[in-house]
Amino acid sequence: MILGIGIDIVHVTRMAHWLETPELMDRFFHPSEIDDALRRGKSAALSLAARFAAKEAFGKALGTGLHGLILKEIRVKNNRFGKPDIELLGMAKKALSDFGGTRVHLTMTHERDNAVAMVVLEGEGQ
């Protein structure tokens, strides 16, 4: 059963600024997300914007926003085919479990100035 749906949009210039501020990067992104984004060269800000939108969309799907979540514990990665997935760690994993969620579906897209992510949470509920 679908328990929650969340969507978010992030302006790419915000992430371009964050790329110049290591403290922000370390606060909001898992180290592997930073590495993956930096490997993308000029499209690093696009990649980070989509990942940040995914984190926000996850919080919206939970219905709590980002309250009580550590954003670097919401890790966005791509599978071997390029499909984005969310790996939850620590408090984020517990939040999904407490919500009764068992599965997270994610889609992301971006174009020049904006990145969008949508999350659907599936499970049996509380």
N, C-alpha and C. Protein backbone atom coordinates (compact mmCIF):
# COMPACT_ATOMS: atom_id res chain seq x y z
N MET A 1 0.83 -1.16 0.00
CA MET A 1 0.00 0.00 0.00
C MET A 1 0.89 1.25 0.00
N ILE A 2 0.46 2.28 -0.69
CA ILE A 2 1.19 3.55 -0.71
C ILE A 2 0.90 4.29 0.58
N LEU A 3 1.97 4.65 1.30
CA LEU A 3 1.84 5.35 2.58
C LEU A 3 2.08 6.84 2.46
N GLY A 4 2.86 7.24 1.48
CA GLY A 4 3.18 8.65 1.34
C GLY A 4 3.83 8.96 0.02
N ILE A 5 3.60 10.20 -0.42
CA ILE A 5 4.20 10.70 -1.67
C ILE A 5 4.79 12.07 -1.36
N GLY A 6 5.99 12.31 -1.84
CA GLY A 6 6.62 13.61 -1.66
C GLY A 6 7.29 14.06 -2.94
N ILE A 7 7.29 15.36 -3.17
CA ILE A 7 7.95 15.93 -4.34
C ILE A 7 8.66 17.20 -3.92
N ASP A 8 9.77 17.50 -4.55
CA ASP A 8 10.50 18.72 -4.24
C ASP A 8 11.26 19.20 -5.47
N ILE A 9 11.50 20.49 -5.50
CA ILE A 9 12.27 21.12 -6.59
C ILE A 9 13.36 21.97 -5.95
N VAL A 10 14.55 21.93 -6.53
CA VAL A 10 15.69 22.69 -6.03
C VAL A 10 16.31 23.46 -7.19
N HIS A 11 16.60 24.72 -6.94
CA HIS A 11 17.26 25.55 -7.95
C HIS A 11 18.75 25.20 -7.97
N VAL A 12 19.29 24.93 -9.13
CA VAL A 12 20.66 24.44 -9.27
C VAL A 12 21.70 25.44 -8.78
N THR A 13 21.45 26.74 -8.91
CA THR A 13 22.44 27.72 -8.46
C THR A 13 22.68 27.63 -6.96
N ARG A 14 21.68 27.19 -6.21
CA ARG A 14 21.85 26.99 -4.78
C ARG A 14 22.94 25.95 -4.53
N MET A 15 22.94 24.86 -5.29
CA MET A 15 23.94 23.81 -5.12
C MET A 15 25.31 24.27 -5.64
N ALA A 16 25.31 25.10 -6.66
CA ALA A 16 26.59 25.62 -7.17
C ALA A 16 27.29 26.40 -6.05
N HIS A 17 26.52 27.15 -5.30
CA HIS A 17 27.09 27.88 -4.15
C HIS A 17 27.58 26.90 -3.08
N TRP A 18 26.79 25.87 -2.82
CA TRP A 18 27.17 24.90 -1.80
C TRP A 18 28.45 24.16 -2.16
N LEU A 19 28.69 23.97 -3.47
CA LEU A 19 29.93 23.31 -3.90
C LEU A 19 31.17 24.08 -3.43
N GLU A 20 31.00 25.37 -3.23
CA GLU A 20 32.11 26.23 -2.78
C GLU A 20 32.19 26.30 -1.26
N THR A 21 31.29 25.60 -0.57
CA THR A 21 31.23 25.66 0.89
C THR A 21 31.27 24.23 1.45
N PRO A 22 32.48 23.73 1.68
CA PRO A 22 32.63 22.33 2.11
C PRO A 22 31.82 21.97 3.36
N GLU A 23 31.64 22.93 4.29
CA GLU A 23 30.88 22.62 5.51
C GLU A 23 29.43 22.24 5.17
N LEU A 24 28.83 22.93 4.20
CA LEU A 24 27.46 22.62 3.79
C LEU A 24 27.40 21.26 3.11
N MET A 25 28.37 21.01 2.26
CA MET A 25 28.41 19.73 1.56
C MET A 25 28.49 18.58 2.56
N ASP A 26 29.40 18.71 3.53
CA ASP A 26 29.59 17.65 4.52
C ASP A 26 28.38 17.50 5.44
N ARG A 27 27.65 18.58 5.65
CA ARG A 27 26.48 18.54 6.53
C ARG A 27 25.29 17.83 5.88
N PHE A 28 25.10 18.04 4.59
CA PHE A 28 23.89 17.59 3.93
C PHE A 28 24.04 16.35 3.04
N PHE A 29 25.27 15.99 2.68
CA PHE A 29 25.46 14.90 1.72
C PHE A 29 26.37 13.82 2.28
N HIS A 30 26.04 12.58 1.98
CA HIS A 30 26.88 11.44 2.31
C HIS A 30 28.18 11.58 1.48
N PRO A 31 29.32 11.19 2.03
CA PRO A 31 30.58 11.32 1.28
C PRO A 31 30.53 10.71 -0.13
N SER A 32 29.85 9.58 -0.28
CA SER A 32 29.78 8.96 -1.62
C SER A 32 28.96 9.81 -2.59
N GLU A 33 27.96 10.54 -2.08
CA GLU A 33 27.18 11.43 -2.95
C GLU A 33 28.05 12.57 -3.46
N ILE A 34 28.88 13.09 -2.59
CA ILE A 34 29.79 14.18 -2.98
C ILE A 34 30.76 13.67 -4.04
N ASP A 35 31.35 12.50 -3.80
CA ASP A 35 32.29 11.92 -4.76
C ASP A 35 31.63 11.68 -6.12
N ASP A 36 30.42 11.10 -6.10
CA ASP A 36 29.70 10.84 -7.34
C ASP A 36 29.43 12.14 -8.10
N ALA A 37 29.01 13.16 -7.38
CA ALA A 37 28.70 14.45 -8.02
C ALA A 37 29.96 15.08 -8.62
N LEU A 38 31.04 15.08 -7.88
CA LEU A 38 32.28 15.71 -8.35
C LEU A 38 32.81 15.00 -9.60
N ARG A 39 32.58 13.70 -9.71
CA ARG A 39 33.01 12.96 -10.91
C ARG A 39 32.24 13.42 -12.15
N ARG A 40 31.11 14.06 -11.96
CA ARG A 40 30.29 14.53 -13.08
C ARG A 40 30.78 15.86 -13.65
N GLY A 41 31.81 16.42 -13.06
CA GLY A 41 32.40 17.65 -13.58
C GLY A 41 31.43 18.82 -13.58
N LYS A 42 31.18 19.37 -14.76
CA LYS A 42 30.33 20.56 -14.87
C LYS A 42 28.90 20.33 -14.43
N SER A 43 28.45 19.10 -14.42
CA SER A 43 27.06 18.84 -14.01
C SER A 43 26.96 18.43 -12.53
N ALA A 44 28.01 18.70 -11.76
CA ALA A 44 28.00 18.35 -10.33
C ALA A 44 26.86 19.04 -9.59
N ALA A 45 26.63 20.31 -9.86
CA ALA A 45 25.56 21.05 -9.18
C ALA A 45 24.19 20.47 -9.52
N LEU A 46 24.00 20.05 -10.78
CA LEU A 46 22.74 19.40 -11.17
C LEU A 46 22.52 18.12 -10.37
N SER A 47 23.57 17.33 -10.27
CA SER A 47 23.49 16.06 -9.55
C SER A 47 23.16 16.30 -8.08
N LEU A 48 23.82 17.25 -7.45
CA LEU A 48 23.56 17.54 -6.04
C LEU A 48 22.17 18.11 -5.83
N ALA A 49 21.72 18.95 -6.74
CA ALA A 49 20.37 19.52 -6.63
C ALA A 49 19.32 18.42 -6.66
N ALA A 50 19.47 17.47 -7.56
CA ALA A 50 18.52 16.36 -7.65
C ALA A 50 18.55 15.52 -6.37
N ARG A 51 19.74 15.29 -5.84
CA ARG A 51 19.87 14.50 -4.62
C ARG A 51 19.28 15.22 -3.41
N PHE A 52 19.49 16.53 -3.34
CA PHE A 52 18.91 17.28 -2.24
C PHE A 52 17.38 17.30 -2.35
N ALA A 53 16.87 17.43 -3.56
CA ALA A 53 15.42 17.38 -3.77
C ALA A 53 14.88 16.02 -3.33
N ALA A 54 15.61 14.95 -3.56
CA ALA A 54 15.18 13.62 -3.15
C ALA A 54 15.09 13.52 -1.63
N LYS A 55 16.04 14.10 -0.93
CA LYS A 55 16.03 14.09 0.53
C LYS A 55 14.81 14.84 1.05
N GLU A 56 14.55 16.00 0.47
CA GLU A 56 13.38 16.80 0.86
C GLU A 56 12.09 16.04 0.54
N ALA A 57 12.03 15.42 -0.62
CA ALA A 57 10.83 14.66 -1.02
C ALA A 57 10.59 13.49 -0.07
N PHE A 58 11.66 12.86 0.40
CA PHE A 58 11.52 11.77 1.36
C PHE A 58 10.86 12.28 2.65
N GLY A 59 11.34 13.40 3.15
CA GLY A 59 10.74 13.98 4.36
C GLY A 59 9.28 14.33 4.16
N LYS A 60 8.94 14.84 3.00
CA LYS A 60 7.55 15.17 2.70
C LYS A 60 6.69 13.91 2.61
N ALA A 61 7.24 12.85 2.06
CA ALA A 61 6.48 11.60 1.95
C ALA A 61 6.22 11.01 3.34
N LEU A 62 7.16 11.21 4.27
CA LEU A 62 6.96 10.76 5.64
C LEU A 62 5.90 11.60 6.35
N GLY A 63 5.74 12.84 5.87
CA GLY A 63 4.80 13.75 6.52
C GLY A 63 5.41 14.54 7.66
N THR A 64 6.72 14.41 7.85
CA THR A 64 7.41 15.09 8.94
C THR A 64 8.32 16.22 8.45
N GLY A 65 8.49 16.30 7.16
CA GLY A 65 9.53 17.19 6.65
C GLY A 65 10.87 16.63 7.07
N LEU A 66 11.85 17.48 7.25
CA LEU A 66 13.19 17.01 7.60
C LEU A 66 13.43 16.97 9.11
N HIS A 67 12.39 17.28 9.87
CA HIS A 67 12.50 17.28 11.34
C HIS A 67 12.96 15.92 11.84
N GLY A 68 14.04 15.92 12.61
CA GLY A 68 14.55 14.69 13.20
C GLY A 68 15.42 13.85 12.28
N LEU A 69 15.61 14.30 11.04
CA LEU A 69 16.42 13.54 10.09
C LEU A 69 17.79 14.17 9.92
N ILE A 70 18.78 13.33 9.71
CA ILE A 70 20.12 13.78 9.36
C ILE A 70 20.27 13.52 7.87
N LEU A 71 20.40 14.60 7.09
CA LEU A 71 20.32 14.46 5.64
C LEU A 71 21.39 13.56 5.04
N LYS A 72 22.56 13.53 5.63
CA LYS A 72 23.58 12.64 5.06
C LYS A 72 23.27 11.17 5.30
N GLU A 73 22.24 10.89 6.14
CA GLU A 73 21.79 9.51 6.35
C GLU A 73 20.74 9.09 5.31
N ILE A 74 20.41 10.01 4.41
CA ILE A 74 19.55 9.69 3.27
C ILE A 74 20.46 9.74 2.06
N ARG A 75 20.94 8.59 1.66
CA ARG A 75 21.96 8.51 0.59
C ARG A 75 21.29 8.16 -0.73
N VAL A 76 21.50 9.03 -1.71
CA VAL A 76 20.97 8.77 -3.05
C VAL A 76 22.11 8.21 -3.89
N LYS A 77 21.84 7.07 -4.50
CA LYS A 77 22.85 6.44 -5.35
C LYS A 77 22.16 5.88 -6.58
N ASN A 78 22.92 5.58 -7.58
CA ASN A 78 22.37 5.00 -8.81
C ASN A 78 22.74 3.54 -8.88
N ASN A 79 21.79 2.72 -9.33
CA ASN A 79 22.11 1.31 -9.51
C ASN A 79 22.94 1.14 -10.78
N ARG A 80 23.27 -0.06 -11.13
CA ARG A 80 24.17 -0.29 -12.27
C ARG A 80 23.57 0.15 -13.60
N PHE A 81 22.25 0.35 -13.64
CA PHE A 81 21.60 0.80 -14.86
C PHE A 81 21.38 2.32 -14.87
N GLY A 82 21.75 2.98 -13.77
CA GLY A 82 21.59 4.43 -13.67
C GLY A 82 20.34 4.87 -12.93
N LYS A 83 19.47 3.91 -12.57
CA LYS A 83 18.24 4.25 -11.85
C LYS A 83 18.60 4.73 -10.44
N PRO A 84 18.02 5.87 -10.01
CA PRO A 84 18.32 6.35 -8.66
C PRO A 84 17.59 5.55 -7.59
N ASP A 85 18.29 5.32 -6.49
CA ASP A 85 17.73 4.62 -5.34
C ASP A 85 18.11 5.41 -4.09
N ILE A 86 17.33 5.21 -3.04
CA ILE A 86 17.65 5.82 -1.75
C ILE A 86 18.07 4.71 -0.80
N GLU A 87 19.21 4.91 -0.16
CA GLU A 87 19.65 4.02 0.91
C GLU A 87 19.50 4.82 2.20
N LEU A 88 18.77 4.27 3.15
CA LEU A 88 18.53 4.95 4.42
C LEU A 88 19.45 4.39 5.49
N LEU A 89 20.00 5.28 6.28
CA LEU A 89 20.91 4.91 7.36
C LEU A 89 20.39 5.54 8.65
N GLY A 90 20.79 5.03 9.78
CA GLY A 90 20.53 5.65 11.07
C GLY A 90 19.09 6.06 11.31
N MET A 91 18.90 7.33 11.67
CA MET A 91 17.59 7.87 12.03
C MET A 91 16.62 7.85 10.84
N ALA A 92 17.12 8.02 9.64
CA ALA A 92 16.24 7.98 8.46
C ALA A 92 15.65 6.59 8.28
N LYS A 93 16.47 5.58 8.48
CA LYS A 93 15.99 4.20 8.37
C LYS A 93 14.95 3.91 9.45
N LYS A 94 15.22 4.39 10.65
CA LYS A 94 14.29 4.21 11.77
C LYS A 94 12.98 4.95 11.50
N ALA A 95 13.06 6.16 10.95
CA ALA A 95 11.86 6.94 10.66
C ALA A 95 10.95 6.20 9.67
N LEU A 96 11.55 5.60 8.65
CA LEU A 96 10.75 4.84 7.68
C LEU A 96 10.11 3.63 8.36
N SER A 97 10.86 2.92 9.17
CA SER A 97 10.35 1.75 9.88
C SER A 97 9.22 2.14 10.83
N ASP A 98 9.42 3.21 11.60
CA ASP A 98 8.39 3.68 12.53
C ASP A 98 7.12 4.09 11.80
N PHE A 99 7.26 4.56 10.57
CA PHE A 99 6.13 4.98 9.75
C PHE A 99 5.39 3.77 9.17
N GLY A 100 6.02 2.61 9.24
CA GLY A 100 5.45 1.39 8.68
C GLY A 100 5.85 1.16 7.24
N GLY A 101 6.84 1.92 6.79
CA GLY A 101 7.31 1.80 5.41
C GLY A 101 8.31 0.68 5.25
N THR A 102 8.25 0.05 4.09
CA THR A 102 9.19 -1.04 3.79
C THR A 102 9.94 -0.82 2.49
N ARG A 103 9.47 0.12 1.67
CA ARG A 103 10.09 0.32 0.37
C ARG A 103 10.01 1.79 -0.03
N VAL A 104 11.08 2.28 -0.66
CA VAL A 104 11.13 3.66 -1.12
C VAL A 104 11.34 3.66 -2.63
N HIS A 105 10.49 4.36 -3.34
CA HIS A 105 10.63 4.52 -4.79
C HIS A 105 11.05 5.97 -5.05
N LEU A 106 11.99 6.17 -5.95
CA LEU A 106 12.52 7.50 -6.23
C LEU A 106 12.65 7.72 -7.73
N THR A 107 12.26 8.89 -8.17
CA THR A 107 12.60 9.33 -9.52
C THR A 107 13.09 10.77 -9.43
N MET A 108 14.04 11.11 -10.28
CA MET A 108 14.62 12.46 -10.30
C MET A 108 14.76 12.92 -11.74
N THR A 109 14.72 14.24 -11.92
CA THR A 109 14.99 14.81 -13.23
C THR A 109 15.57 16.20 -13.02
N HIS A 110 16.28 16.69 -14.02
CA HIS A 110 16.81 18.06 -13.93
C HIS A 110 17.00 18.61 -15.32
N GLU A 111 16.94 19.92 -15.38
CA GLU A 111 17.18 20.62 -16.63
C GLU A 111 17.71 22.01 -16.31
N ARG A 112 18.86 22.32 -16.78
CA ARG A 112 19.55 23.59 -16.60
C ARG A 112 19.42 24.20 -15.21
N ASP A 113 18.28 24.81 -14.89
CA ASP A 113 18.15 25.60 -13.67
C ASP A 113 17.52 24.89 -12.48
N ASN A 114 16.83 23.79 -12.72
CA ASN A 114 16.08 23.15 -11.66
C ASN A 114 16.23 21.64 -11.67
N ALA A 115 16.11 21.07 -10.47
CA ALA A 115 16.10 19.61 -10.32
C ALA A 115 14.86 19.26 -9.50
N VAL A 116 14.22 18.17 -9.88
CA VAL A 116 13.00 17.72 -9.23
C VAL A 116 13.16 16.26 -8.83
N ALA A 117 12.62 15.92 -7.67
CA ALA A 117 12.60 14.51 -7.23
C ALA A 117 11.23 14.19 -6.65
N MET A 118 10.82 12.94 -6.86
CA MET A 118 9.56 12.44 -6.30
C MET A 118 9.85 11.12 -5.60
N VAL A 119 9.27 10.99 -4.41
CA VAL A 119 9.43 9.78 -3.60
C VAL A 119 8.06 9.21 -3.28
N VAL A 120 7.95 7.90 -3.40
CA VAL A 120 6.75 7.18 -2.98
C VAL A 120 7.18 6.16 -1.94
N LEU A 121 6.48 6.17 -0.80
CA LEU A 121 6.76 5.20 0.27
C LEU A 121 5.69 4.13 0.25
N GLU A 122 6.14 2.91 0.38
CA GLU A 122 5.25 1.76 0.33
C GLU A 122 5.43 0.95 1.62
N GLY A 123 4.37 0.32 2.07
CA GLY A 123 4.44 -0.52 3.26
C GLY A 123 3.07 -0.85 3.79
N GLU A 124 3.04 -1.35 5.02
CA GLU A 124 1.78 -1.73 5.65
C GLU A 124 1.23 -0.63 6.54
N GLY A 125 2.00 0.37 6.84
CA GLY A 125 1.55 1.45 7.72
C GLY A 125 1.78 1.13 9.17
N GLN A 126 1.47 2.11 10.01
CA GLN A 126 1.74 2.00 11.45
C GLN A 126 0.77 1.09 12.14
